[in-house]
Amino acid sequence: MFRLESPWMLLLLALPLLLYLVRRRARRAAVGFSSVHNAKKAGKSLRQRLLWMPTALRWSAYILLVIALARPQAGRERVQEISQGVAIEMVLDRSGSMGLELEFEGKLKNRLDSAKEVFRRFVFGYGTRLKGRPNDLVGMVAFARYSDTICPLTLTHSVIKPFLDTVKLASTNDEDGTAIGDAVALAAARLHTVEETLASQTGKAKDTYRIRSKVMILLTDGENNCGRRSVLQGGELAQRWGIRLYVIALGGQEAYQTIDTPFGRTSRRVFTRPIDTRDLEKIAADTGGFFRQATDANALQRIYEEIDKLERSDVESMRFVDYKELFVPFAIAALVLIALEQLLNATLFRRLP
């Protein structure tokens, strides 16, 4: 981007033309000659051929000085985006019961894989209903008997997919269980210290990123049956630290289970007892979120779409222009031309009185 800070100074460029016109009208011949034909035949010396140079140098320097007075500037537009994003912690149940299957787009898929796929769509976008969360901090905690931070809260979403692939069903009795209270407490602690996490990831983020709200999405298909904290104790921490909980109970009384038979693998329908969701409903209500039940993958995706609409981030663009002064080269060039003119007038074109 180029501009002149004082463009009106260019009016001075008309001054040489005015002086030329005035001098031309006032010029009169000092001595009259009947003919200059013989004088032309005499030819011109090199000095005479170059007599125009001092005048040309003088007026060129004048033009450059006028341009310098107009203060030419070069500017570069810069855009700084300030994101008011949402910090989202996904708390995912990976207990053995999550191996039961439900219908997912016409096929049977276990609950854990279904939950992972819908969460992936929620983060990265899917179709027109899920726009993705490009401006949000996203992290994940998975739990069975014990809870673990699978992915720290991050703006670099490319790392989420490989971390998500590492979440597997609890395969032994020692690790199986449903410690919901501990998982909620761990995720709440991660969200409580998210500002420090953000500052450690990038020094610039502290100035360009503002945390608009802190959200936890808890997905489970069971009741709290182990761990040091109860569901309500974990919810109290989230409420104290201003974290909103969206709780999803996945599965219904009907589910499917794939078994091996002498004739190959087959799926059979199984019936499960309903879970007590009163504590889950309470922590959701106390923190300003909601509780939803999802019996299949379509219902699960609709719940994520609902969360997506409620928790949207804002991006504010600040535009400004940095200008750099360019008059110095023009001024220096003008001084060089003036010095060259004076040198020529004192040597090659010197005149005696």
Protein backbone atom coordinates (compact mmCIF):
# COMPACT_ATOMS: atom_id res chain seq x y z
CA MET A 1 0.00 0.00 0.00
CA PHE A 2 1.49 3.35 -1.08
CA ARG A 3 0.38 6.83 -0.11
CA LEU A 4 1.57 10.46 0.20
CA GLU A 5 1.21 11.95 3.65
CA SER A 6 1.25 15.55 2.26
CA PRO A 7 0.04 15.26 -1.34
CA TRP A 8 -0.71 19.00 -1.58
CA MET A 9 3.06 19.63 -1.68
CA LEU A 10 2.99 18.31 -5.26
CA LEU A 11 1.49 21.66 -6.28
CA LEU A 12 5.04 23.01 -6.09
CA LEU A 13 5.79 21.01 -9.26
CA ALA A 14 3.86 23.64 -11.19
CA LEU A 15 6.31 26.39 -10.12
CA PRO A 16 9.00 25.59 -12.76
CA LEU A 17 6.43 25.76 -15.54
CA LEU A 18 5.21 29.16 -14.31
CA LEU A 19 8.77 30.48 -14.11
CA TYR A 20 9.48 29.21 -17.62
CA LEU A 21 6.42 30.92 -19.06
CA VAL A 22 7.22 34.22 -17.29
CA ARG A 23 10.83 34.24 -18.43
CA ARG A 24 9.85 33.31 -22.00
CA ARG A 25 7.49 36.26 -22.26
CA ALA A 26 10.08 38.68 -20.82
CA ARG A 27 12.97 37.44 -23.01
CA ARG A 28 14.17 39.88 -25.70
CA ALA A 29 17.16 39.64 -28.05
CA ALA A 30 20.07 41.83 -26.92
CA VAL A 31 21.74 42.12 -30.36
CA GLY A 32 19.98 41.70 -33.66
CA PHE A 33 21.47 39.65 -36.50
CA SER A 34 20.22 39.46 -40.05
CA SER A 35 21.15 35.77 -40.27
CA VAL A 36 22.76 33.06 -38.08
CA HIS A 37 23.21 30.65 -40.99
CA ASN A 38 27.01 30.85 -41.06
CA ALA A 39 27.23 30.58 -37.27
CA LYS A 40 25.34 27.25 -37.40
CA LYS A 41 27.84 25.88 -39.90
CA ALA A 42 30.59 26.36 -37.33
CA GLY A 43 29.22 23.43 -35.30
CA LYS A 44 29.18 22.89 -31.51
CA SER A 45 31.81 21.67 -29.12
CA LEU A 46 31.19 18.88 -26.58
CA ARG A 47 30.91 21.49 -23.86
CA GLN A 48 28.26 23.36 -25.82
CA ARG A 49 26.31 20.13 -26.44
CA LEU A 50 26.23 19.44 -22.71
CA LEU A 51 25.24 22.91 -21.55
CA TRP A 52 21.74 21.60 -20.73
CA MET A 53 23.05 19.26 -18.02
CA PRO A 54 23.33 21.68 -15.04
CA THR A 55 19.84 22.99 -15.66
CA ALA A 56 18.45 19.44 -16.00
CA LEU A 57 20.22 18.39 -12.80
CA ARG A 58 18.86 21.41 -10.96
CA TRP A 59 15.25 20.81 -11.94
CA SER A 60 15.50 17.05 -11.36
CA ALA A 61 16.76 17.77 -7.84
CA TYR A 62 13.86 20.19 -7.39
CA ILE A 63 11.32 17.53 -8.43
CA LEU A 64 12.89 14.97 -6.05
CA LEU A 65 12.78 17.48 -3.18
CA VAL A 66 9.12 18.19 -3.81
CA ILE A 67 8.36 14.46 -3.76
CA ALA A 68 10.31 14.15 -0.50
CA LEU A 69 8.26 17.02 0.98
CA ALA A 70 5.07 15.14 0.01
CA ARG A 71 6.33 12.31 2.29
CA PRO A 72 5.80 9.11 0.33
CA GLN A 73 5.01 6.15 2.58
CA ALA A 74 4.72 2.42 2.02
CA GLY A 75 2.27 0.59 4.24
CA ARG A 76 1.47 -3.03 4.89
CA GLU A 77 -1.94 -3.97 6.19
CA ARG A 78 -1.85 -6.40 9.06
CA VAL A 79 -4.77 -8.35 10.48
CA GLN A 80 -4.73 -9.55 14.06
CA GLU A 81 -7.45 -11.98 15.04
CA ILE A 82 -8.56 -12.11 18.63
CA SER A 83 -10.44 -15.32 19.31
CA GLN A 84 -12.89 -15.54 22.16
CA GLY A 85 -12.96 -19.31 22.25
CA VAL A 86 -14.34 -22.09 24.37
CA ALA A 87 -12.22 -24.51 26.38
CA ILE A 88 -13.80 -27.95 25.92
CA GLU A 89 -12.82 -31.05 27.86
CA MET A 90 -14.23 -34.34 26.61
CA VAL A 91 -14.65 -36.90 29.42
CA LEU A 92 -15.13 -40.31 27.83
CA ASP A 93 -16.11 -43.58 29.51
CA ARG A 94 -14.05 -46.55 28.28
CA SER A 95 -15.31 -49.17 30.74
CA GLY A 96 -16.12 -52.68 29.53
CA SER A 97 -19.83 -51.95 29.12
CA MET A 98 -18.94 -49.45 26.39
CA GLY A 99 -18.17 -52.52 24.26
CA LEU A 100 -21.89 -53.13 23.79
CA GLU A 101 -23.07 -52.20 20.33
CA LEU A 102 -25.63 -49.77 19.01
CA GLU A 103 -26.86 -48.80 15.60
CA PHE A 104 -24.56 -46.38 13.79
CA GLU A 105 -25.66 -45.27 10.31
CA GLY A 106 -27.23 -48.61 9.48
CA LYS A 107 -24.46 -50.73 11.02
CA LEU A 108 -23.60 -51.99 14.48
CA LYS A 109 -20.69 -50.34 16.23
CA ASN A 110 -19.68 -50.49 19.87
CA ARG A 111 -20.53 -47.57 22.10
CA LEU A 112 -16.95 -46.40 22.55
CA ASP A 113 -16.15 -46.28 18.82
CA SER A 114 -19.46 -44.53 18.16
CA ALA A 115 -18.74 -41.92 20.81
CA LYS A 116 -15.22 -41.36 19.44
CA GLU A 117 -16.48 -40.92 15.88
CA VAL A 118 -19.19 -38.40 16.83
CA PHE A 119 -16.72 -36.47 18.98
CA ARG A 120 -14.30 -36.40 16.04
CA ARG A 121 -17.05 -34.93 13.88
CA PHE A 122 -17.84 -32.39 16.59
CA VAL A 123 -14.22 -31.15 16.67
CA PHE A 124 -13.36 -31.26 12.97
CA GLY A 125 -16.79 -30.66 11.44
CA TYR A 126 -19.21 -32.88 9.57
CA GLY A 127 -21.67 -31.75 6.93
CA THR A 128 -23.73 -28.62 7.49
CA ARG A 129 -24.86 -29.28 11.05
CA LEU A 130 -21.49 -29.63 12.74
CA LYS A 131 -19.20 -26.73 11.78
CA GLY A 132 -16.17 -27.91 13.75
CA ARG A 133 -14.33 -26.14 16.56
CA PRO A 134 -11.26 -24.55 14.91
CA ASN A 135 -11.03 -21.69 17.41
CA ASP A 136 -11.50 -23.70 20.60
CA LEU A 137 -9.16 -25.33 23.06
CA VAL A 138 -9.99 -29.04 23.08
CA GLY A 139 -8.74 -31.77 25.39
CA MET A 140 -9.75 -35.27 26.49
CA VAL A 141 -9.91 -37.34 29.64
CA ALA A 142 -10.78 -41.04 29.45
CA PHE A 143 -11.74 -43.18 32.40
CA ALA A 144 -12.62 -46.68 33.56
CA ARG A 145 -11.45 -47.62 37.07
CA TYR A 146 -8.88 -44.86 36.75
CA SER A 147 -8.98 -41.58 34.85
CA ASP A 148 -6.21 -40.36 32.56
CA THR A 149 -5.52 -37.22 30.55
CA ILE A 150 -5.43 -38.51 26.97
CA CYS A 151 -4.91 -35.17 25.26
CA PRO A 152 -4.12 -31.87 27.01
CA LEU A 153 -6.16 -28.83 26.14
CA THR A 154 -4.75 -27.55 22.87
CA LEU A 155 -5.42 -25.34 19.86
CA THR A 156 -3.43 -27.74 17.68
CA HIS A 157 -6.27 -30.05 16.77
CA SER A 158 -4.18 -32.23 14.46
CA VAL A 159 -2.86 -34.06 17.52
CA ILE A 160 -6.34 -35.00 18.72
CA LYS A 161 -6.97 -37.74 16.13
CA PRO A 162 -3.95 -39.90 17.02
CA PHE A 163 -4.66 -39.43 20.73
CA LEU A 164 -8.28 -40.39 20.17
CA ASP A 165 -7.20 -43.60 18.46
CA THR A 166 -5.33 -44.69 21.60
CA VAL A 167 -8.52 -44.82 23.67
CA LYS A 168 -9.45 -48.50 24.00
CA LEU A 169 -11.91 -50.49 26.06
CA ALA A 170 -10.77 -51.62 29.50
CA SER A 171 -9.61 -55.18 28.85
CA THR A 172 -8.87 -56.52 32.35
CA ASN A 173 -10.78 -56.67 35.62
CA ASP A 174 -8.06 -54.62 37.30
CA GLU A 175 -8.69 -51.60 35.08
CA ASP A 176 -12.42 -52.03 34.49
CA GLY A 177 -14.86 -49.88 36.40
CA THR A 178 -16.65 -46.54 36.20
CA ALA A 179 -14.96 -43.78 38.22
CA ILE A 180 -17.08 -40.87 37.05
CA GLY A 181 -16.40 -38.62 40.05
CA ASP A 182 -12.60 -38.87 39.68
CA ALA A 183 -12.80 -38.23 35.93
CA VAL A 184 -14.96 -35.13 36.38
CA ALA A 185 -12.57 -33.81 39.06
CA LEU A 186 -9.53 -34.37 36.82
CA ALA A 187 -11.16 -32.66 33.84
CA ALA A 188 -12.31 -29.78 36.06
CA ALA A 189 -8.72 -29.30 37.28
CA ARG A 190 -7.46 -29.22 33.69
CA LEU A 191 -10.01 -26.56 32.77
CA HIS A 192 -9.30 -24.60 35.95
CA THR A 193 -5.64 -24.21 34.96
CA VAL A 194 -6.24 -23.76 31.22
CA GLU A 195 -4.85 -20.20 31.19
CA GLU A 196 -1.46 -21.49 32.34
CA THR A 197 -1.63 -24.29 29.79
CA LEU A 198 -2.36 -21.80 27.03
CA ALA A 199 0.49 -19.51 28.07
CA SER A 200 2.96 -22.41 28.03
CA GLN A 201 1.93 -23.47 24.51
CA THR A 202 2.64 -20.09 22.91
CA GLY A 203 3.71 -16.73 24.24
CA LYS A 204 1.50 -14.84 21.78
CA ALA A 205 -1.67 -16.69 22.71
CA LYS A 206 -1.97 -14.75 25.95
CA ASP A 207 -2.65 -11.55 24.00
CA THR A 208 -4.61 -12.99 21.09
CA TYR A 209 -6.82 -15.60 22.73
CA ARG A 210 -9.49 -15.09 25.37
CA ILE A 211 -11.34 -17.94 27.03
CA ARG A 212 -15.01 -17.17 26.71
CA SER A 213 -16.30 -20.19 28.65
CA LYS A 214 -15.17 -23.54 30.04
CA VAL A 215 -17.16 -26.61 29.12
CA MET A 216 -17.03 -30.28 29.99
CA ILE A 217 -18.82 -32.96 27.95
CA LEU A 218 -19.24 -36.10 30.04
CA LEU A 219 -20.25 -39.27 28.21
CA THR A 220 -20.92 -42.49 30.12
CA ASP A 221 -23.14 -45.55 30.01
CA GLY A 222 -22.96 -46.49 33.68
CA GLU A 223 -23.02 -45.45 37.31
CA ASN A 224 -20.14 -44.39 39.52
CA ASN A 225 -18.88 -47.60 41.20
CA CYS A 226 -15.26 -46.87 42.11
CA GLY A 227 -12.78 -44.07 42.68
CA ARG A 228 -12.14 -41.64 45.53
CA ARG A 229 -14.78 -39.07 44.63
CA SER A 230 -18.48 -39.32 44.06
CA VAL A 231 -20.23 -37.82 41.05
CA LEU A 232 -21.56 -34.98 43.21
CA GLN A 233 -18.10 -34.19 44.60
CA GLY A 234 -16.68 -33.94 41.10
CA GLY A 235 -19.60 -31.76 40.08
CA GLU A 236 -19.03 -29.44 43.05
CA LEU A 237 -15.49 -28.74 41.84
CA ALA A 238 -16.76 -27.91 38.37
CA GLN A 239 -19.44 -25.62 39.79
CA ARG A 240 -16.91 -23.85 42.04
CA TRP A 241 -14.59 -23.16 39.09
CA GLY A 242 -17.33 -21.96 36.72
CA ILE A 243 -17.30 -24.99 34.42
CA ARG A 244 -20.47 -25.97 32.60
CA LEU A 245 -21.25 -29.69 32.29
CA TYR A 246 -23.11 -31.32 29.44
CA VAL A 247 -23.82 -34.90 30.45
CA ILE A 248 -24.73 -37.64 27.99
CA ALA A 249 -25.93 -41.06 29.12
CA LEU A 250 -25.27 -43.38 26.19
CA GLY A 251 -27.35 -46.50 25.56
CA GLY A 252 -30.75 -47.78 26.58
CA GLN A 253 -32.17 -50.99 27.94
CA GLU A 254 -31.64 -52.66 24.56
CA ALA A 255 -28.19 -53.20 23.09
CA TYR A 256 -26.34 -55.62 20.84
CA GLN A 257 -23.38 -57.85 21.47
CA THR A 258 -21.22 -59.63 18.92
CA ILE A 259 -20.31 -63.20 19.88
CA ASP A 260 -18.36 -66.00 18.25
CA THR A 261 -20.30 -69.18 17.37
CA PRO A 262 -19.36 -72.35 15.52
CA PHE A 263 -20.98 -70.75 12.50
CA GLY A 264 -19.02 -67.49 12.77
CA ARG A 265 -19.52 -64.13 14.43
CA THR A 266 -23.06 -62.96 15.03
CA SER A 267 -24.80 -60.19 16.91
CA ARG A 268 -27.46 -60.84 19.49
CA ARG A 269 -29.77 -58.50 21.31
CA VAL A 270 -29.15 -58.07 25.03
CA PHE A 271 -31.07 -56.23 27.70
CA THR A 272 -29.43 -54.06 30.33
CA ARG A 273 -30.83 -52.59 33.49
CA PRO A 274 -31.52 -48.85 33.47
CA ILE A 275 -28.90 -46.74 35.21
CA ASP A 276 -29.56 -44.23 37.96
CA THR A 277 -28.98 -40.84 36.38
CA ARG A 278 -30.10 -38.59 39.22
CA ASP A 279 -26.57 -37.51 40.21
CA LEU A 280 -25.65 -36.94 36.58
CA GLU A 281 -28.72 -34.80 36.06
CA LYS A 282 -27.98 -32.80 39.20
CA ILE A 283 -24.38 -31.87 38.33
CA ALA A 284 -25.49 -30.85 34.85
CA ALA A 285 -28.24 -28.61 36.23
CA ASP A 286 -26.05 -27.17 39.01
CA THR A 287 -23.35 -26.07 36.56
CA GLY A 288 -25.72 -24.55 34.01
CA GLY A 289 -25.51 -27.36 31.44
CA PHE A 290 -27.97 -30.11 30.59
CA PHE A 291 -28.44 -33.87 30.75
CA ARG A 292 -29.42 -35.93 27.70
CA GLN A 293 -30.00 -39.61 27.01
CA ALA A 294 -28.79 -41.09 23.69
CA THR A 295 -29.96 -44.54 22.69
CA ASP A 296 -28.28 -44.59 19.29
CA ALA A 297 -25.63 -42.74 17.29
CA ASN A 298 -28.13 -40.45 15.55
CA ALA A 299 -29.42 -39.23 18.91
CA LEU A 300 -25.83 -38.78 20.09
CA GLN A 301 -24.98 -36.61 17.10
CA ARG A 302 -28.09 -34.49 17.64
CA ILE A 303 -26.95 -33.84 21.21
CA TYR A 304 -23.54 -32.70 19.98
CA GLU A 305 -25.27 -30.45 17.46
CA GLU A 306 -27.22 -28.90 20.33
CA ILE A 307 -24.02 -28.29 22.30
CA ASP A 308 -22.38 -26.89 19.17
CA LYS A 309 -25.10 -24.25 18.83
CA LEU A 310 -24.97 -23.27 22.51
CA GLU A 311 -21.19 -22.98 22.80
CA ARG A 312 -19.88 -20.97 19.87
CA SER A 313 -16.62 -19.04 19.79
CA ASP A 314 -16.20 -15.51 18.43
CA VAL A 315 -13.37 -14.18 16.27
CA GLU A 316 -12.71 -10.44 16.19
CA SER A 317 -10.40 -9.08 13.50
CA MET A 318 -8.34 -5.97 14.18
CA ARG A 319 -6.96 -4.35 11.05
CA PHE A 320 -4.15 -1.82 11.14
CA VAL A 321 -1.52 -0.51 8.73
CA ASP A 322 2.17 -0.08 9.42
CA TYR A 323 3.65 2.75 7.33
CA LYS A 324 7.33 3.25 6.52
CA GLU A 325 8.66 6.68 5.49
CA LEU A 326 10.22 6.71 1.99
CA PHE A 327 11.23 10.39 1.67
CA VAL A 328 14.86 9.81 2.65
CA PRO A 329 15.99 8.23 -0.68
CA PHE A 330 14.35 11.07 -2.62
CA ALA A 331 16.03 13.72 -0.46
CA ILE A 332 19.44 12.07 -0.73
CA ALA A 333 19.10 11.75 -4.51
CA ALA A 334 18.20 15.44 -4.74
CA LEU A 335 21.26 16.43 -2.71
CA VAL A 336 23.48 14.28 -4.92
CA LEU A 337 22.11 15.96 -8.06
CA ILE A 338 22.64 19.43 -6.56
CA ALA A 339 26.20 18.53 -5.61
CA LEU A 340 26.81 17.20 -9.13
CA GLU A 341 25.41 20.39 -10.66
CA GLN A 342 27.71 22.55 -8.51
CA LEU A 343 30.69 20.39 -9.44
CA LEU A 344 29.98 20.72 -13.17
CA ASN A 345 29.46 24.50 -12.87
CA ALA A 346 32.80 24.82 -11.05
CA THR A 347 34.73 22.72 -13.60
CA LEU A 348 33.51 21.79 -17.07
CA PHE A 349 30.92 24.56 -17.34
CA ARG A 350 32.71 27.24 -15.37
CA ARG A 351 32.14 30.75 -16.69
CA LEU A 352 34.43 33.71 -16.32
CA PRO A 353 32.89 37.07 -15.43
